[in-house]
């Protein structure tokens, strides 16, 4: 038995919010991560583009929701390491 699509969407949204909050908490405690921020910034940009391409090729709605939430986590990472909170 599979989970409904709406449940997958809500779960992806909750995990995105908790993951972003966790990243903010970690970067506040470890300030040296900001010095390596440009590396995370570029890696998240590459990940967003790659996952976007993968999402264009998918036919399954649940997989599309899962992969697009990964791309949104990349946007959160870019925002955190850009310095905008």
Protein backbone atom coordinates (compact mmCIF):
# COMPACT_ATOMS: atom_id res chain seq x y z
CA UNK A 1 0.00 0.00 0.00
CA UNK A 2 1.36 3.42 -0.98
CA UNK A 3 1.01 6.76 0.74
CA UNK A 4 -1.26 9.37 -0.87
CA UNK A 5 0.28 12.18 -2.89
CA UNK A 6 -1.03 14.85 -0.49
CA UNK A 7 0.76 13.15 2.40
CA UNK A 8 4.00 13.10 0.43
CA UNK A 9 3.66 16.81 -0.34
CA UNK A 10 3.06 17.71 3.31
CA UNK A 11 5.94 15.52 4.44
CA UNK A 12 8.30 17.11 1.91
CA UNK A 13 7.26 20.58 3.08
CA UNK A 14 7.78 19.75 6.75
CA UNK A 15 11.18 18.21 6.08
CA UNK A 16 12.19 21.26 4.06
CA UNK A 17 11.30 23.61 6.92
CA UNK A 18 13.01 21.47 9.56
CA UNK A 19 16.10 21.02 7.41
CA UNK A 20 16.39 24.77 6.84
CA UNK A 21 16.02 25.48 10.53
CA UNK A 22 18.66 22.86 11.34
CA UNK A 23 21.08 24.41 8.86
CA UNK A 24 20.56 27.83 10.40
CA UNK A 25 21.21 26.44 13.89
CA UNK A 26 24.39 24.68 12.76
CA UNK A 27 25.81 27.70 10.93
CA UNK A 28 25.20 29.91 13.96
CA UNK A 29 27.19 27.54 16.18
CA UNK A 30 30.01 26.96 13.69
CA UNK A 31 30.94 30.35 12.24
CA UNK A 32 33.74 28.91 10.11
CA UNK A 33 31.09 27.44 7.80
CA UNK A 34 30.44 30.97 6.53
CA UNK A 35 34.04 31.18 5.35
CA UNK A 36 33.40 28.15 3.13
CA UNK A 37 30.00 29.50 2.10
CA UNK A 38 30.93 30.06 -1.53
CA UNK A 39 31.62 26.33 -1.90
CA UNK A 40 28.18 25.42 -0.54
CA UNK A 41 26.65 28.16 -2.68
CA UNK A 42 28.10 26.74 -5.91
CA UNK A 43 27.35 23.13 -4.98
CA UNK A 44 23.73 23.96 -4.22
CA UNK A 45 23.40 25.78 -7.55
CA UNK A 46 24.76 22.76 -9.42
CA UNK A 47 22.39 20.50 -7.47
CA UNK A 48 19.39 22.71 -8.26
CA UNK A 49 20.13 22.65 -11.98
CA UNK A 50 20.75 18.89 -12.01
CA UNK A 51 17.63 18.04 -9.99
CA UNK A 52 15.61 20.41 -12.18
CA UNK A 53 16.70 18.45 -15.22
CA UNK A 54 15.80 15.17 -13.51
CA UNK A 55 12.37 16.55 -12.59
CA UNK A 56 11.70 17.38 -16.23
CA UNK A 57 12.18 13.72 -17.12
CA UNK A 58 9.93 12.21 -14.42
CA UNK A 59 6.46 10.80 -14.97
CA UNK A 60 5.65 9.79 -11.38
CA UNK A 61 4.05 12.55 -9.28
CA UNK A 62 5.44 11.30 -5.97
CA UNK A 63 8.96 11.15 -7.31
CA UNK A 64 8.50 14.62 -8.76
CA UNK A 65 7.46 15.96 -5.35
CA UNK A 66 10.42 14.27 -3.67
CA UNK A 67 13.00 15.52 -6.16
CA UNK A 68 11.59 19.04 -6.26
CA UNK A 69 11.80 19.25 -2.47
CA UNK A 70 15.51 18.42 -2.81
CA UNK A 71 15.85 21.33 -5.24
CA UNK A 72 14.06 23.60 -2.77
CA UNK A 73 16.50 22.57 -0.05
CA UNK A 74 19.23 23.80 -2.41
CA UNK A 75 17.49 27.18 -2.51
CA UNK A 76 17.41 27.25 1.29
CA UNK A 77 21.13 26.47 1.41
CA UNK A 78 21.85 29.29 -1.04
CA UNK A 79 19.84 31.71 1.09
CA UNK A 80 21.57 30.69 4.30
CA UNK A 81 25.10 30.96 2.94
CA UNK A 82 24.34 34.19 1.14
CA UNK A 83 23.74 35.72 4.52
CA UNK A 84 20.04 36.49 4.16
CA UNK A 85 17.96 34.99 6.94
